[in-house]
Amino acid sequence: MNNQNLFFLSIKDFLSMQMLKYALMPFIISMLIMYTFFFLLAGAGLDALGSLDVQSSTTTMQNGVPHTETLEAQLEGTAIIKFLMSHAITSWIATFLIYAIGGFMTLYVSIIVALLVIGFLTPFVLKELQRRHYKDVEMIGYTNILTGILYVVKWAFVMILLFILFIPLYFIPLINIVAFNFPLYYFFHKVMTFDVASNIATEEEDHTMKFRNGTDLRLKTLALYLVSLIPFAVFFGAIFYVIYLGNTYFTGIREMRENEARKIAGSEATIEA
């Protein structure tokens, strides 16, 4: 089945009543978590802007004897802050920047949260796909919860390391867009393909699938990641991601096993002859 047919089949599956029910769960859970996080972060930023703790010490010499004076104060409404917050334009700019940065971070964190939430629903989604289209393809799988958690922690560590290594690139226009998104895309690709493959294939089949169709899988996860950058899309579209990659893996594994069965049958026929 070509990619165009897989895409339209995935849309049809997504619009089924059962899949739409599954889609509501990550949507509701992710929305609650992320918008609580967003308003807490933005509120904390405004509070920090409104007050500033200052501590200073001064040492003077009097008759050859050093005297140290310490000043501790909380500056609230200082000249700079008072200027920013008391004028309509500067107050709007400061508030806009805080909420823009908060919204930007919320968008990226929302992708991670949606991935973690959808991980618990992936087996149910794939079993529904198997029931609808792939009854002849056995879901074998090759992992457990503990192994899955360890993999996610490892990929999260690599993602954070990449964010740190790419810091010099963040100041270069256009390149900074790629540099900032690549670590998160890396995490997105790893988690999505692992969730699907580990429920359907054996570990050997998964390696073969990635070796033969690695570029195709990366292009699909890249397209899905770019869609995730649209606000709200990841909340409701996470189930579609699993469906699309699920159909891709099911058809690939079916073809792989059919080819293997033909080889075995051919070998047995040769031996009998």
C-alpha atoms as a PDB file:
ATOM      1  CA  MET A   1       0.000   0.000   0.000  1.00  0.00           C
ATOM      2  CA  ASN A   2       1.488   3.361  -1.001  1.00  0.00           C
ATOM      3  CA  ASN A   3       1.851   6.326   1.341  1.00  0.00           C
ATOM      4  CA  GLN A   4      -1.118   8.202  -0.105  1.00  0.00           C
ATOM      5  CA  ASN A   5      -3.470   5.278   0.501  1.00  0.00           C
ATOM      6  CA  LEU A   6      -2.035   4.813   3.992  1.00  0.00           C
ATOM      7  CA  PHE A   7      -2.676   8.454   4.770  1.00  0.00           C
ATOM      8  CA  PHE A   8      -6.311   8.391   3.665  1.00  0.00           C
ATOM      9  CA  LEU A   9      -6.864   5.056   5.421  1.00  0.00           C
ATOM     10  CA  SER A  10      -5.455   6.614   8.609  1.00  0.00           C
ATOM     11  CA  ILE A  11      -7.828   9.576   8.316  1.00  0.00           C
ATOM     12  CA  LYS A  12     -10.762   7.184   7.891  1.00  0.00           C
ATOM     13  CA  ASP A  13      -9.660   5.187  10.930  1.00  0.00           C
ATOM     14  CA  PHE A  14      -9.201   8.359  12.976  1.00  0.00           C
ATOM     15  CA  LEU A  15     -12.734   9.547  12.207  1.00  0.00           C
ATOM     16  CA  SER A  16     -14.261   6.305  13.465  1.00  0.00           C
ATOM     17  CA  MET A  17     -16.239   6.583  16.701  1.00  0.00           C
ATOM     18  CA  GLN A  18     -13.877   4.363  18.710  1.00  0.00           C
ATOM     19  CA  MET A  19     -10.770   6.320  17.726  1.00  0.00           C
ATOM     20  CA  LEU A  20     -12.437   9.654  18.450  1.00  0.00           C
ATOM     21  CA  LYS A  21     -13.213   8.374  21.936  1.00  0.00           C
ATOM     22  CA  TYR A  22      -9.544   7.510  22.404  1.00  0.00           C
ATOM     23  CA  ALA A  23      -8.565  10.941  21.077  1.00  0.00           C
ATOM     24  CA  LEU A  24     -10.521  12.745  23.793  1.00  0.00           C
ATOM     25  CA  MET A  25      -8.425  11.323  26.638  1.00  0.00           C
ATOM     26  CA  PRO A  26      -5.003  12.769  25.699  1.00  0.00           C
ATOM     27  CA  PHE A  27      -6.761  15.957  24.601  1.00  0.00           C
ATOM     28  CA  ILE A  28      -8.417  16.539  27.978  1.00  0.00           C
ATOM     29  CA  ILE A  29      -5.492  15.374  30.137  1.00  0.00           C
ATOM     30  CA  SER A  30      -2.859  17.303  28.178  1.00  0.00           C
ATOM     31  CA  MET A  31      -4.958  20.471  28.109  1.00  0.00           C
ATOM     32  CA  LEU A  32      -5.447  20.403  31.891  1.00  0.00           C
ATOM     33  CA  ILE A  33      -1.768  19.790  32.597  1.00  0.00           C
ATOM     34  CA  MET A  34      -0.344  22.258  30.101  1.00  0.00           C
ATOM     35  CA  TYR A  35      -2.592  25.219  30.703  1.00  0.00           C
ATOM     36  CA  THR A  36      -2.169  24.886  34.458  1.00  0.00           C
ATOM     37  CA  PHE A  37       1.576  24.912  33.803  1.00  0.00           C
ATOM     38  CA  PHE A  38       1.268  27.893  31.463  1.00  0.00           C
ATOM     39  CA  PHE A  39      -0.616  30.188  33.841  1.00  0.00           C
ATOM     40  CA  LEU A  40       1.569  29.231  36.805  1.00  0.00           C
ATOM     41  CA  LEU A  41       4.701  30.007  34.794  1.00  0.00           C
ATOM     42  CA  ALA A  42       3.367  33.279  33.413  1.00  0.00           C
ATOM     43  CA  GLY A  43       2.072  34.367  36.828  1.00  0.00           C
ATOM     44  CA  ALA A  44       5.422  33.619  38.437  1.00  0.00           C
ATOM     45  CA  GLY A  45       7.147  35.702  35.763  1.00  0.00           C
ATOM     46  CA  LEU A  46       4.953  38.720  36.461  1.00  0.00           C
ATOM     47  CA  ASP A  47       5.479  38.356  40.217  1.00  0.00           C
ATOM     48  CA  ALA A  48       9.234  38.228  39.712  1.00  0.00           C
ATOM     49  CA  LEU A  49       9.063  41.346  37.557  1.00  0.00           C
ATOM     50  CA  GLY A  50       7.110  43.233  40.202  1.00  0.00           C
ATOM     51  CA  SER A  51       9.557  42.731  43.066  1.00  0.00           C
ATOM     52  CA  LEU A  52      13.312  42.365  43.373  1.00  0.00           C
ATOM     53  CA  ASP A  53      15.398  41.299  46.379  1.00  0.00           C
ATOM     54  CA  VAL A  54      18.670  43.189  46.707  1.00  0.00           C
ATOM     55  CA  GLN A  55      21.541  42.490  49.103  1.00  0.00           C
ATOM     56  CA  SER A  56      24.720  44.544  49.183  1.00  0.00           C
ATOM     57  CA  SER A  57      27.639  45.075  51.536  1.00  0.00           C
ATOM     58  CA  THR A  58      30.092  47.971  51.855  1.00  0.00           C
ATOM     59  CA  THR A  59      33.429  47.903  53.658  1.00  0.00           C
ATOM     60  CA  THR A  60      35.070  51.151  54.806  1.00  0.00           C
ATOM     61  CA  MET A  61      38.252  51.905  56.730  1.00  0.00           C
ATOM     62  CA  GLN A  62      37.995  54.062  59.845  1.00  0.00           C
ATOM     63  CA  ASN A  63      41.238  54.708  61.717  1.00  0.00           C
ATOM     64  CA  GLY A  64      42.724  51.630  60.106  1.00  0.00           C
ATOM     65  CA  VAL A  65      39.824  49.429  61.271  1.00  0.00           C
ATOM     66  CA  PRO A  66      37.567  47.889  58.578  1.00  0.00           C
ATOM     67  CA  HIS A  67      33.803  48.341  59.037  1.00  0.00           C
ATOM     68  CA  THR A  68      31.346  46.340  56.940  1.00  0.00           C
ATOM     69  CA  GLU A  69      27.768  47.495  56.458  1.00  0.00           C
ATOM     70  CA  THR A  70      25.196  45.130  54.923  1.00  0.00           C
ATOM     71  CA  LEU A  71      22.024  46.306  53.223  1.00  0.00           C
ATOM     72  CA  GLU A  72      19.150  43.912  52.555  1.00  0.00           C
ATOM     73  CA  ALA A  73      16.012  45.208  50.939  1.00  0.00           C
ATOM     74  CA  GLN A  74      13.196  44.246  48.675  1.00  0.00           C
ATOM     75  CA  LEU A  75      12.817  46.732  45.887  1.00  0.00           C
ATOM     76  CA  GLU A  76       9.301  46.894  44.641  1.00  0.00           C
ATOM     77  CA  GLY A  77       8.309  49.489  42.140  1.00  0.00           C
ATOM     78  CA  THR A  78      11.885  50.727  41.636  1.00  0.00           C
ATOM     79  CA  ALA A  79      12.544  53.271  38.936  1.00  0.00           C
ATOM     80  CA  ILE A  80      12.977  50.712  36.164  1.00  0.00           C
ATOM     81  CA  ILE A  81      10.151  48.406  37.228  1.00  0.00           C
ATOM     82  CA  LYS A  82       7.883  51.327  38.025  1.00  0.00           C
ATOM     83  CA  PHE A  83       8.593  52.719  34.580  1.00  0.00           C
ATOM     84  CA  LEU A  84       7.842  49.378  32.913  1.00  0.00           C
ATOM     85  CA  MET A  85       4.631  48.670  34.758  1.00  0.00           C
ATOM     86  CA  SER A  86       3.190  52.168  35.110  1.00  0.00           C
ATOM     87  CA  HIS A  87       3.190  53.079  31.425  1.00  0.00           C
ATOM     88  CA  ALA A  88       0.669  51.430  29.158  1.00  0.00           C
ATOM     89  CA  ILE A  89       3.056  50.646  26.294  1.00  0.00           C
ATOM     90  CA  THR A  90       5.976  49.272  28.332  1.00  0.00           C
ATOM     91  CA  SER A  91       3.627  47.387  30.638  1.00  0.00           C
ATOM     92  CA  TRP A  92       2.000  45.743  27.612  1.00  0.00           C
ATOM     93  CA  ILE A  93       5.390  44.867  26.108  1.00  0.00           C
ATOM     94  CA  ALA A  94       6.678  43.325  29.350  1.00  0.00           C
ATOM     95  CA  THR A  95       3.490  41.327  29.861  1.00  0.00           C
ATOM     96  CA  PHE A  96       3.443  40.245  26.213  1.00  0.00           C
ATOM     97  CA  LEU A  97       7.040  38.986  26.368  1.00  0.00           C
ATOM     98  CA  ILE A  98       6.395  36.980  29.509  1.00  0.00           C
ATOM     99  CA  TYR A  99       3.263  35.359  28.145  1.00  0.00           C
ATOM    100  CA  ALA A 100       4.841  34.836  24.705  1.00  0.00           C
ATOM    101  CA  ILE A 101       7.826  33.039  26.210  1.00  0.00           C
ATOM    102  CA  GLY A 102       5.517  31.098  28.503  1.00  0.00           C
ATOM    103  CA  GLY A 103       3.310  30.123  25.573  1.00  0.00           C
ATOM    104  CA  PHE A 104       6.336  29.137  23.503  1.00  0.00           C
ATOM    105  CA  MET A 105       7.662  26.856  26.247  1.00  0.00           C
ATOM    106  CA  THR A 106       4.172  25.491  26.871  1.00  0.00           C
ATOM    107  CA  LEU A 107       3.873  24.491  23.212  1.00  0.00           C
ATOM    108  CA  TYR A 108       7.090  22.484  23.303  1.00  0.00           C
ATOM    109  CA  VAL A 109       6.416  20.888  26.661  1.00  0.00           C
ATOM    110  CA  SER A 110       2.902  20.014  25.457  1.00  0.00           C
ATOM    111  CA  ILE A 111       4.419  17.788  22.764  1.00  0.00           C
ATOM    112  CA  ILE A 112       6.345  15.848  25.406  1.00  0.00           C
ATOM    113  CA  VAL A 113       3.293  15.557  27.666  1.00  0.00           C
ATOM    114  CA  ALA A 114       1.100  14.377  24.781  1.00  0.00           C
ATOM    115  CA  LEU A 115       3.689  11.727  23.855  1.00  0.00           C
ATOM    116  CA  LEU A 116       3.774  10.398  27.407  1.00  0.00           C
ATOM    117  CA  VAL A 117      -0.020  10.348  27.674  1.00  0.00           C
ATOM    118  CA  ILE A 118      -0.517   8.646  24.307  1.00  0.00           C
ATOM    119  CA  GLY A 119       1.975   5.950  25.261  1.00  0.00           C
ATOM    120  CA  PHE A 120      -0.611   4.411  27.590  1.00  0.00           C
ATOM    121  CA  LEU A 121      -3.260   4.329  24.832  1.00  0.00           C
ATOM    122  CA  THR A 122      -1.069   3.022  22.014  1.00  0.00           C
ATOM    123  CA  PRO A 123      -1.773  -0.719  22.648  1.00  0.00           C
ATOM    124  CA  PHE A 124      -5.540  -0.123  22.531  1.00  0.00           C
ATOM    125  CA  VAL A 125      -5.312   1.929  19.333  1.00  0.00           C
ATOM    126  CA  LEU A 126      -3.150  -0.680  17.610  1.00  0.00           C
ATOM    127  CA  LYS A 127      -5.442  -3.531  18.655  1.00  0.00           C
ATOM    128  CA  GLU A 128      -8.362  -1.637  17.132  1.00  0.00           C
ATOM    129  CA  LEU A 129      -6.390  -1.236  13.900  1.00  0.00           C
ATOM    130  CA  GLN A 130      -5.555  -4.935  13.942  1.00  0.00           C
ATOM    131  CA  ARG A 131      -9.220  -5.790  14.373  1.00  0.00           C
ATOM    132  CA  ARG A 132     -10.229  -3.533  11.470  1.00  0.00           C
ATOM    133  CA  HIS A 133      -7.529  -4.315   8.882  1.00  0.00           C
ATOM    134  CA  TYR A 134      -4.803  -6.692  10.043  1.00  0.00           C
ATOM    135  CA  LYS A 135      -6.302  -9.792  11.627  1.00  0.00           C
ATOM    136  CA  ASP A 136      -3.641 -11.841   9.852  1.00  0.00           C
ATOM    137  CA  VAL A 137      -0.796  -9.883  11.511  1.00  0.00           C
ATOM    138  CA  GLU A 138       0.026 -11.072  15.024  1.00  0.00           C
ATOM    139  CA  MET A 139       1.020  -8.367  17.504  1.00  0.00           C
ATOM    140  CA  ILE A 140       4.113  -9.899  19.117  1.00  0.00           C
ATOM    141  CA  GLY A 141       5.937  -6.981  20.743  1.00  0.00           C
ATOM    142  CA  TYR A 142       9.309  -7.046  22.443  1.00  0.00           C
ATOM    143  CA  THR A 143       9.400  -4.810  25.508  1.00  0.00           C
ATOM    144  CA  ASN A 144       7.905  -4.110  28.954  1.00  0.00           C
ATOM    145  CA  ILE A 145       7.022  -1.030  31.011  1.00  0.00           C
ATOM    146  CA  LEU A 146      10.389  -0.841  32.811  1.00  0.00           C
ATOM    147  CA  THR A 147      12.370  -1.091  29.567  1.00  0.00           C
ATOM    148  CA  GLY A 148      10.128   1.519  27.970  1.00  0.00           C
ATOM    149  CA  ILE A 149      10.694   3.956  30.858  1.00  0.00           C
ATOM    150  CA  LEU A 150      14.466   3.444  30.649  1.00  0.00           C
ATOM    151  CA  TYR A 151      14.412   4.162  26.907  1.00  0.00           C
ATOM    152  CA  VAL A 152      12.357   7.339  27.414  1.00  0.00           C
ATOM    153  CA  VAL A 153      14.746   8.552  30.139  1.00  0.00           C
ATOM    154  CA  LYS A 154      17.728   7.891  27.858  1.00  0.00           C
ATOM    155  CA  TRP A 155      16.162   9.786  24.944  1.00  0.00           C
ATOM    156  CA  ALA A 156      15.164  12.658  27.237  1.00  0.00           C
ATOM    157  CA  PHE A 157      18.767  12.892  28.460  1.00  0.00           C
ATOM    158  CA  VAL A 158      20.060  12.988  24.871  1.00  0.00           C
ATOM    159  CA  MET A 159      17.469  15.650  24.024  1.00  0.00           C
ATOM    160  CA  ILE A 160      18.580  17.873  26.931  1.00  0.00           C
ATOM    161  CA  LEU A 161      22.233  17.338  25.986  1.00  0.00           C
ATOM    162  CA  LEU A 162      21.489  18.404  22.401  1.00  0.00           C
ATOM    163  CA  PHE A 163      19.695  21.523  23.656  1.00  0.00           C
ATOM    164  CA  ILE A 164      22.848  22.443  25.595  1.00  0.00           C
ATOM    165  CA  LEU A 165      25.269  21.652  22.752  1.00  0.00           C
ATOM    166  CA  PHE A 166      23.251  23.739  20.287  1.00  0.00           C
ATOM    167  CA  ILE A 167      23.252  26.893  22.449  1.00  0.00           C
ATOM    168  CA  PRO A 168      25.790  28.719  20.196  1.00  0.00           C
ATOM    169  CA  LEU A 169      23.481  28.106  17.209  1.00  0.00           C
ATOM    170  CA  TYR A 170      20.485  29.771  18.867  1.00  0.00           C
ATOM    171  CA  PHE A 171      21.922  33.204  18.031  1.00  0.00           C
ATOM    172  CA  ILE A 172      22.157  32.552  14.282  1.00  0.00           C
ATOM    173  CA  PRO A 173      18.975  33.528  12.378  1.00  0.00           C
ATOM    174  CA  LEU A 174      17.149  30.684  10.605  1.00  0.00           C
ATOM    175  CA  ILE A 175      19.687  28.116  11.837  1.00  0.00           C
ATOM    176  CA  ASN A 176      18.374  28.697  15.361  1.00  0.00           C
ATOM    177  CA  ILE A 177      14.946  27.432  14.268  1.00  0.00           C
ATOM    178  CA  VAL A 178      16.424  24.099  13.216  1.00  0.00           C
ATOM    179  CA  ALA A 179      18.771  23.969  16.214  1.00  0.00           C
ATOM    180  CA  PHE A 180      15.958  24.493  18.694  1.00  0.00           C
ATOM    181  CA  ASN A 181      13.558  22.031  17.077  1.00  0.00           C
ATOM    182  CA  PHE A 182      15.963  19.197  16.255  1.00  0.00           C
ATOM    183  CA  PRO A 183      16.402  17.915  19.861  1.00  0.00           C
ATOM    184  CA  LEU A 184      12.662  17.812  20.417  1.00  0.00           C
ATOM    185  CA  TYR A 185      12.085  16.163  17.032  1.00  0.00           C
ATOM    186  CA  TYR A 186      14.691  13.545  17.982  1.00  0.00           C
ATOM    187  CA  PHE A 187      12.711  12.743  21.138  1.00  0.00           C
ATOM    188  CA  PHE A 188       9.411  12.795  19.232  1.00  0.00           C
ATOM    189  CA  HIS A 189      10.678  10.393  16.540  1.00  0.00           C
ATOM    190  CA  LYS A 190      12.207   7.954  19.016  1.00  0.00           C
ATOM    191  CA  VAL A 191       9.164   7.758  21.300  1.00  0.00           C
ATOM    192  CA  MET A 192       6.567   7.538  18.522  1.00  0.00           C
ATOM    193  CA  THR A 193       8.309   4.797  16.536  1.00  0.00           C
ATOM    194  CA  PHE A 194       9.180   2.856  19.693  1.00  0.00           C
ATOM    195  CA  ASP A 195       5.610   2.953  21.026  1.00  0.00           C
ATOM    196  CA  VAL A 196       4.231   1.561  17.785  1.00  0.00           C
ATOM    197  CA  ALA A 197       6.988  -0.896  16.857  1.00  0.00           C
ATOM    198  CA  SER A 198       7.359  -2.409  20.333  1.00  0.00           C
ATOM    199  CA  ASN A 199       3.674  -3.374  20.341  1.00  0.00           C
ATOM    200  CA  ILE A 200       3.582  -4.938  16.855  1.00  0.00           C
ATOM    201  CA  ALA A 201       6.944  -6.329  15.818  1.00  0.00           C
ATOM    202  CA  THR A 202       9.759  -8.369  17.257  1.00  0.00           C
ATOM    203  CA  GLU A 203      12.967  -6.489  17.998  1.00  0.00           C
ATOM    204  CA  GLU A 204      14.615  -8.018  14.931  1.00  0.00           C
ATOM    205  CA  GLU A 205      11.661  -7.040  12.725  1.00  0.00           C
ATOM    206  CA  ASP A 206      11.808  -3.507  14.104  1.00  0.00           C
ATOM    207  CA  HIS A 207      15.519  -3.212  13.236  1.00  0.00           C
ATOM    208  CA  THR A 208      14.827  -4.541   9.732  1.00  0.00           C
ATOM    209  CA  MET A 209      11.900  -2.140   9.287  1.00  0.00           C
ATOM    210  CA  LYS A 210      14.018   0.857  10.286  1.00  0.00           C
ATOM    211  CA  PHE A 211      16.895  -0.284   8.076  1.00  0.00           C
ATOM    212  CA  ARG A 212      14.688  -0.701   4.996  1.00  0.00           C
ATOM    213  CA  ASN A 213      12.274   2.185   5.583  1.00  0.00           C
ATOM    214  CA  GLY A 214      14.273   4.511   7.831  1.00  0.00           C
ATOM    215  CA  THR A 215      14.028   7.543   5.555  1.00  0.00           C
ATOM    216  CA  ASP A 216      10.294   7.057   5.010  1.00  0.00           C
ATOM    217  CA  LEU A 217       9.674   6.766   8.761  1.00  0.00           C
ATOM    218  CA  ARG A 218      11.720   9.889   9.493  1.00  0.00           C
ATOM    219  CA  LEU A 219       9.849  11.887   6.850  1.00  0.00           C
ATOM    220  CA  LYS A 220       6.515  10.794   8.317  1.00  0.00           C
ATOM    221  CA  THR A 221       7.476  11.616  11.905  1.00  0.00           C
ATOM    222  CA  LEU A 222       8.933  14.946  10.725  1.00  0.00           C
ATOM    223  CA  ALA A 223       5.626  15.825   9.047  1.00  0.00           C
ATOM    224  CA  LEU A 224       3.735  14.835  12.192  1.00  0.00           C
ATOM    225  CA  TYR A 225       6.126  16.880  14.351  1.00  0.00           C
ATOM    226  CA  LEU A 226       5.623  19.975  12.206  1.00  0.00           C
ATOM    227  CA  VAL A 227       1.865  19.561  12.586  1.00  0.00           C
ATOM    228  CA  SER A 228       2.411  19.349  16.359  1.00  0.00           C
ATOM    229  CA  LEU A 229       3.876  22.869  16.311  1.00  0.00           C
ATOM    230  CA  ILE A 230       0.426  24.189  15.428  1.00  0.00           C
ATOM    231  CA  PRO A 231      -1.228  25.198  18.730  1.00  0.00           C
ATOM    232  CA  PHE A 232      -3.721  22.589  20.000  1.00  0.00           C
ATOM    233  CA  ALA A 233      -2.929  20.169  17.141  1.00  0.00           C
ATOM    234  CA  VAL A 234      -0.838  17.824  19.260  1.00  0.00           C
ATOM    235  CA  PHE A 235      -3.536  17.584  21.936  1.00  0.00           C
ATOM    236  CA  PHE A 236      -6.153  16.195  19.595  1.00  0.00           C
ATOM    237  CA  GLY A 237      -3.958  14.719  16.868  1.00  0.00           C
ATOM    238  CA  ALA A 238      -1.778  12.410  18.984  1.00  0.00           C
ATOM    239  CA  ILE A 239      -4.079   9.456  18.287  1.00  0.00           C
ATOM    240  CA  PHE A 240      -3.825  10.123  14.548  1.00  0.00           C
ATOM    241  CA  TYR A 241      -0.031   9.932  14.822  1.00  0.00           C
ATOM    242  CA  VAL A 242      -0.296   6.454  16.322  1.00  0.00           C
ATOM    243  CA  ILE A 243      -2.842   5.397  13.685  1.00  0.00           C
ATOM    244  CA  TYR A 244      -0.687   6.639  10.794  1.00  0.00           C
ATOM    245  CA  LEU A 245       2.506   5.011  12.061  1.00  0.00           C
ATOM    246  CA  GLY A 246       0.515   1.938  13.116  1.00  0.00           C
ATOM    247  CA  ASN A 247      -0.812   1.408   9.596  1.00  0.00           C
ATOM    248  CA  THR A 248       2.725   1.932   8.279  1.00  0.00           C
ATOM    249  CA  TYR A 249       4.178  -0.697  10.605  1.00  0.00           C
ATOM    250  CA  PHE A 250       1.347  -3.191  10.151  1.00  0.00           C
ATOM    251  CA  THR A 251       1.677  -3.149   6.355  1.00  0.00           C
ATOM    252  CA  GLY A 252       5.471  -3.284   6.543  1.00  0.00           C
ATOM    253  CA  ILE A 253       5.532  -6.171   9.027  1.00  0.00           C
ATOM    254  CA  ARG A 254       2.855  -8.046   7.047  1.00  0.00           C
ATOM    255  CA  GLU A 255       4.956  -7.801   3.895  1.00  0.00           C
ATOM    256  CA  MET A 256       8.079  -8.810   5.783  1.00  0.00           C
ATOM    257  CA  ARG A 257       6.453 -11.904   7.291  1.00  0.00           C
ATOM    258  CA  GLU A 258       4.870 -12.931   3.987  1.00  0.00           C
ATOM    259  CA  ASN A 259       8.272 -12.743   2.300  1.00  0.00           C
ATOM    260  CA  GLU A 260       9.808 -14.777   5.107  1.00  0.00           C
ATOM    261  CA  ALA A 261       7.040 -17.380   4.835  1.00  0.00           C
ATOM    262  CA  ARG A 262       7.623 -17.680   1.078  1.00  0.00           C
ATOM    263  CA  LYS A 263      11.342 -18.174   1.649  1.00  0.00           C
ATOM    264  CA  ILE A 264      10.696 -20.902   4.204  1.00  0.00           C
ATOM    265  CA  ALA A 265       8.167 -22.588   1.923  1.00  0.00           C
ATOM    266  CA  GLY A 266      10.648 -22.424  -0.950  1.00  0.00           C
ATOM    267  CA  SER A 267      13.426 -23.925   1.194  1.00  0.00           C
ATOM    268  CA  GLU A 268      11.188 -26.764   2.333  1.00  0.00           C
ATOM    269  CA  ALA A 269      10.138 -27.483  -1.251  1.00  0.00           C
ATOM    270  CA  THR A 270      13.797 -27.603  -2.297  1.00  0.00           C
ATOM    271  CA  ILE A 271      14.657 -30.026   0.504  1.00  0.00           C
ATOM    272  CA  GLU A 272      11.740 -32.308  -0.371  1.00  0.00           C
ATOM    273  CA  ALA A 273      12.766 -32.328  -4.021  1.00  0.00           C
END
